[in-house]
N, C-alpha and C. Protein backbone atom coordinates (compact mmCIF):
# COMPACT_ATOMS: atom_id res chain seq x y z
N MET A 1 -74.50 61.30 182.57
CA MET A 1 -74.81 62.60 182.05
C MET A 1 -74.40 62.66 180.58
N GLN A 2 -75.30 63.12 179.76
CA GLN A 2 -74.98 63.30 178.35
C GLN A 2 -74.17 64.56 178.18
N THR A 3 -73.25 64.53 177.23
CA THR A 3 -72.45 65.71 176.94
C THR A 3 -72.53 66.02 175.45
N GLN A 4 -72.15 67.23 175.14
CA GLN A 4 -72.10 67.66 173.75
C GLN A 4 -70.82 68.45 173.57
N GLU A 5 -70.13 68.18 172.49
CA GLU A 5 -68.88 68.88 172.21
C GLU A 5 -69.15 70.27 171.68
N ILE A 6 -68.39 71.26 172.20
CA ILE A 6 -68.46 72.63 171.71
C ILE A 6 -67.04 73.12 171.45
N THR A 7 -66.93 74.25 170.79
CA THR A 7 -65.64 74.88 170.56
C THR A 7 -65.65 76.23 171.25
N ILE A 8 -64.61 76.50 172.05
CA ILE A 8 -64.49 77.79 172.70
C ILE A 8 -63.11 78.36 172.40
N HIS A 9 -62.97 79.66 172.52
CA HIS A 9 -61.70 80.32 172.30
C HIS A 9 -61.06 80.62 173.65
N VAL A 10 -59.83 80.18 173.81
CA VAL A 10 -59.07 80.42 175.03
C VAL A 10 -57.69 80.93 174.65
N THR A 11 -56.95 81.37 175.64
CA THR A 11 -55.60 81.84 175.37
C THR A 11 -54.73 80.66 174.95
N PRO A 12 -53.65 80.92 174.23
CA PRO A 12 -52.74 79.83 173.86
C PRO A 12 -52.22 79.08 175.09
N GLU A 13 -51.97 79.79 176.16
CA GLU A 13 -51.48 79.14 177.38
C GLU A 13 -52.53 78.19 177.96
N ALA A 14 -53.77 78.63 178.00
CA ALA A 14 -54.85 77.78 178.51
C ALA A 14 -55.02 76.54 177.63
N ALA A 15 -54.93 76.74 176.33
CA ALA A 15 -55.05 75.60 175.40
C ALA A 15 -53.93 74.61 175.62
N SER A 16 -52.73 75.11 175.82
CA SER A 16 -51.58 74.23 176.06
C SER A 16 -51.75 73.44 177.35
N ILE A 17 -52.21 74.09 178.39
CA ILE A 17 -52.43 73.41 179.67
C ILE A 17 -53.48 72.32 179.52
N TYR A 18 -54.57 72.64 178.82
CA TYR A 18 -55.63 71.65 178.64
C TYR A 18 -55.13 70.46 177.83
N LYS A 19 -54.42 70.75 176.75
CA LYS A 19 -53.92 69.68 175.89
C LYS A 19 -52.91 68.79 176.61
N SER A 20 -52.14 69.36 177.52
CA SER A 20 -51.14 68.57 178.22
C SER A 20 -51.67 67.90 179.48
N ALA A 21 -52.92 68.20 179.85
CA ALA A 21 -53.52 67.60 181.04
C ALA A 21 -53.82 66.12 180.80
N SER A 22 -53.83 65.37 181.90
CA SER A 22 -54.19 63.96 181.79
C SER A 22 -55.67 63.85 181.45
N GLU A 23 -56.08 62.68 181.03
CA GLU A 23 -57.49 62.46 180.69
C GLU A 23 -58.38 62.74 181.90
N GLN A 24 -57.93 62.34 183.09
CA GLN A 24 -58.70 62.58 184.31
C GLN A 24 -58.83 64.09 184.59
N GLU A 25 -57.74 64.83 184.43
CA GLU A 25 -57.79 66.28 184.64
C GLU A 25 -58.69 66.94 183.61
N ARG A 26 -58.65 66.47 182.37
CA ARG A 26 -59.53 67.03 181.33
C ARG A 26 -61.00 66.81 181.68
N ARG A 27 -61.32 65.62 182.17
CA ARG A 27 -62.71 65.34 182.56
C ARG A 27 -63.14 66.28 183.68
N LYS A 28 -62.25 66.53 184.63
CA LYS A 28 -62.56 67.45 185.72
C LYS A 28 -62.79 68.86 185.18
N LEU A 29 -61.91 69.30 184.29
CA LEU A 29 -62.07 70.63 183.71
C LEU A 29 -63.35 70.73 182.89
N ASP A 30 -63.65 69.69 182.13
CA ASP A 30 -64.88 69.67 181.34
C ASP A 30 -66.11 69.79 182.24
N ALA A 31 -66.12 69.00 183.31
CA ALA A 31 -67.26 69.02 184.23
C ALA A 31 -67.38 70.37 184.92
N LEU A 32 -66.25 70.91 185.33
CA LEU A 32 -66.24 72.20 186.00
C LEU A 32 -66.77 73.30 185.08
N LEU A 33 -66.29 73.33 183.85
CA LEU A 33 -66.75 74.33 182.90
C LEU A 33 -68.24 74.17 182.61
N SER A 34 -68.68 72.95 182.46
CA SER A 34 -70.09 72.69 182.19
C SER A 34 -70.97 73.23 183.33
N LEU A 35 -70.57 72.94 184.55
CA LEU A 35 -71.33 73.44 185.71
C LEU A 35 -71.35 74.96 185.76
N ARG A 36 -70.21 75.54 185.53
CA ARG A 36 -70.12 77.00 185.62
C ARG A 36 -70.89 77.69 184.50
N LEU A 37 -70.85 77.15 183.32
CA LEU A 37 -71.62 77.75 182.24
C LEU A 37 -73.11 77.69 182.56
N SER A 38 -73.54 76.61 183.16
CA SER A 38 -74.95 76.50 183.56
C SER A 38 -75.29 77.53 184.62
N GLU A 39 -74.39 77.74 185.55
CA GLU A 39 -74.63 78.70 186.62
C GLU A 39 -74.64 80.13 186.13
N VAL A 40 -73.84 80.43 185.12
CA VAL A 40 -73.77 81.80 184.60
C VAL A 40 -75.13 82.23 184.06
N SER A 41 -75.89 81.29 183.57
CA SER A 41 -77.19 81.64 183.01
C SER A 41 -78.19 82.02 184.11
N ARG A 42 -77.86 81.72 185.34
CA ARG A 42 -78.71 82.11 186.47
C ARG A 42 -78.18 83.42 187.04
N PRO A 43 -78.95 84.49 187.00
CA PRO A 43 -78.46 85.82 187.38
C PRO A 43 -78.30 86.05 188.88
N SER A 44 -78.44 85.05 189.71
CA SER A 44 -78.40 85.27 191.16
C SER A 44 -77.01 85.64 191.68
N ARG A 45 -75.95 85.27 190.97
CA ARG A 45 -74.59 85.60 191.42
C ARG A 45 -73.80 86.22 190.28
N SER A 46 -72.81 87.00 190.64
CA SER A 46 -71.97 87.62 189.62
C SER A 46 -71.01 86.58 189.04
N LEU A 47 -70.55 86.85 187.83
CA LEU A 47 -69.59 85.97 187.18
C LEU A 47 -68.32 85.86 188.02
N LYS A 48 -67.88 86.96 188.58
CA LYS A 48 -66.66 86.95 189.40
C LYS A 48 -66.83 86.03 190.62
N GLU A 49 -67.99 86.07 191.25
CA GLU A 49 -68.27 85.21 192.39
C GLU A 49 -68.26 83.74 191.97
N ILE A 50 -68.86 83.46 190.84
CA ILE A 50 -68.88 82.09 190.32
C ILE A 50 -67.46 81.62 190.03
N MET A 51 -66.65 82.50 189.45
CA MET A 51 -65.27 82.14 189.14
C MET A 51 -64.48 81.85 190.41
N ARG A 52 -64.70 82.63 191.45
CA ARG A 52 -64.02 82.38 192.73
C ARG A 52 -64.40 81.01 193.28
N GLU A 53 -65.69 80.73 193.27
CA GLU A 53 -66.15 79.44 193.77
C GLU A 53 -65.60 78.30 192.92
N ALA A 54 -65.58 78.50 191.62
CA ALA A 54 -65.06 77.47 190.72
C ALA A 54 -63.60 77.17 191.03
N SER A 55 -62.83 78.20 191.29
CA SER A 55 -61.42 78.01 191.64
C SER A 55 -61.28 77.24 192.96
N ARG A 56 -62.09 77.59 193.93
CA ARG A 56 -62.04 76.87 195.22
C ARG A 56 -62.40 75.40 195.03
N GLU A 57 -63.46 75.14 194.29
CA GLU A 57 -63.88 73.76 194.05
C GLU A 57 -62.82 72.99 193.26
N ALA A 58 -62.22 73.64 192.30
CA ALA A 58 -61.19 72.99 191.49
C ALA A 58 -60.01 72.59 192.38
N ARG A 59 -59.60 73.47 193.27
CA ARG A 59 -58.49 73.15 194.17
C ARG A 59 -58.86 71.99 195.09
N LYS A 60 -60.10 71.98 195.56
CA LYS A 60 -60.56 70.87 196.41
C LYS A 60 -60.49 69.54 195.66
N ARG A 61 -60.72 69.59 194.35
CA ARG A 61 -60.73 68.37 193.54
C ARG A 61 -59.36 68.03 192.97
N GLY A 62 -58.34 68.74 193.41
CA GLY A 62 -56.99 68.38 193.03
C GLY A 62 -56.38 69.14 191.88
N LEU A 63 -57.09 70.10 191.31
CA LEU A 63 -56.48 70.90 190.25
C LEU A 63 -55.54 71.91 190.90
N THR A 64 -54.45 72.19 190.25
CA THR A 64 -53.46 73.08 190.84
C THR A 64 -53.88 74.54 190.72
N GLU A 65 -53.28 75.35 191.56
CA GLU A 65 -53.52 76.79 191.52
C GLU A 65 -53.15 77.35 190.14
N GLU A 66 -52.06 76.83 189.57
CA GLU A 66 -51.63 77.30 188.25
C GLU A 66 -52.71 77.07 187.20
N ILE A 67 -53.31 75.90 187.21
CA ILE A 67 -54.36 75.61 186.23
C ILE A 67 -55.56 76.51 186.46
N THR A 68 -56.00 76.64 187.71
CA THR A 68 -57.19 77.45 187.95
C THR A 68 -56.92 78.92 187.63
N GLN A 69 -55.75 79.43 187.97
CA GLN A 69 -55.43 80.82 187.66
C GLN A 69 -55.37 81.05 186.16
N THR A 70 -54.76 80.12 185.44
CA THR A 70 -54.64 80.27 184.00
C THR A 70 -56.02 80.23 183.35
N GLU A 71 -56.87 79.33 183.80
CA GLU A 71 -58.20 79.21 183.22
C GLU A 71 -59.03 80.46 183.44
N TRP A 72 -58.87 81.11 184.59
CA TRP A 72 -59.72 82.25 184.90
C TRP A 72 -59.05 83.59 184.60
N SER A 73 -57.82 83.56 184.14
CA SER A 73 -57.10 84.81 183.87
C SER A 73 -57.48 85.39 182.52
N ASP A 74 -57.30 86.70 182.45
CA ASP A 74 -57.38 87.36 181.15
C ASP A 74 -56.57 88.64 181.24
N ASP A 75 -56.44 89.34 180.16
CA ASP A 75 -55.60 90.54 180.11
C ASP A 75 -56.17 91.70 180.90
N ARG A 76 -57.40 91.63 181.33
CA ARG A 76 -58.02 92.73 182.06
C ARG A 76 -57.81 92.62 183.56
N GLY A 77 -57.10 91.59 184.01
CA GLY A 77 -56.80 91.46 185.43
C GLY A 77 -57.92 90.91 186.28
N LEU A 78 -58.78 90.10 185.73
CA LEU A 78 -59.88 89.53 186.50
C LEU A 78 -59.44 88.32 187.32
N ALA A 79 -58.24 87.89 187.17
CA ALA A 79 -57.81 86.59 187.63
C ALA A 79 -58.01 86.28 189.10
N ARG A 80 -57.25 86.74 189.97
CA ARG A 80 -57.15 86.25 191.35
C ARG A 80 -58.47 86.23 192.07
N PRO A 81 -59.09 85.07 192.17
CA PRO A 81 -60.33 84.95 192.93
C PRO A 81 -60.07 84.97 194.41
């Protein structure tokens, strides 16, 4: 699969977690984000539903609850899928 580098804005905590992740964990996060961004463009499901599924899939693939919660959290309380 071809990839393209992009820049996104995340919380300082999320950036720290990503930067401290192993190369394997980063690849998983990259793939997960890529899939989810593609799915968001399809209006069949809500963003919140996609985020819940993404968290479930991430946990299945070995990402910790802390990482998934941090990635999907924001100040508006959308976090807990």
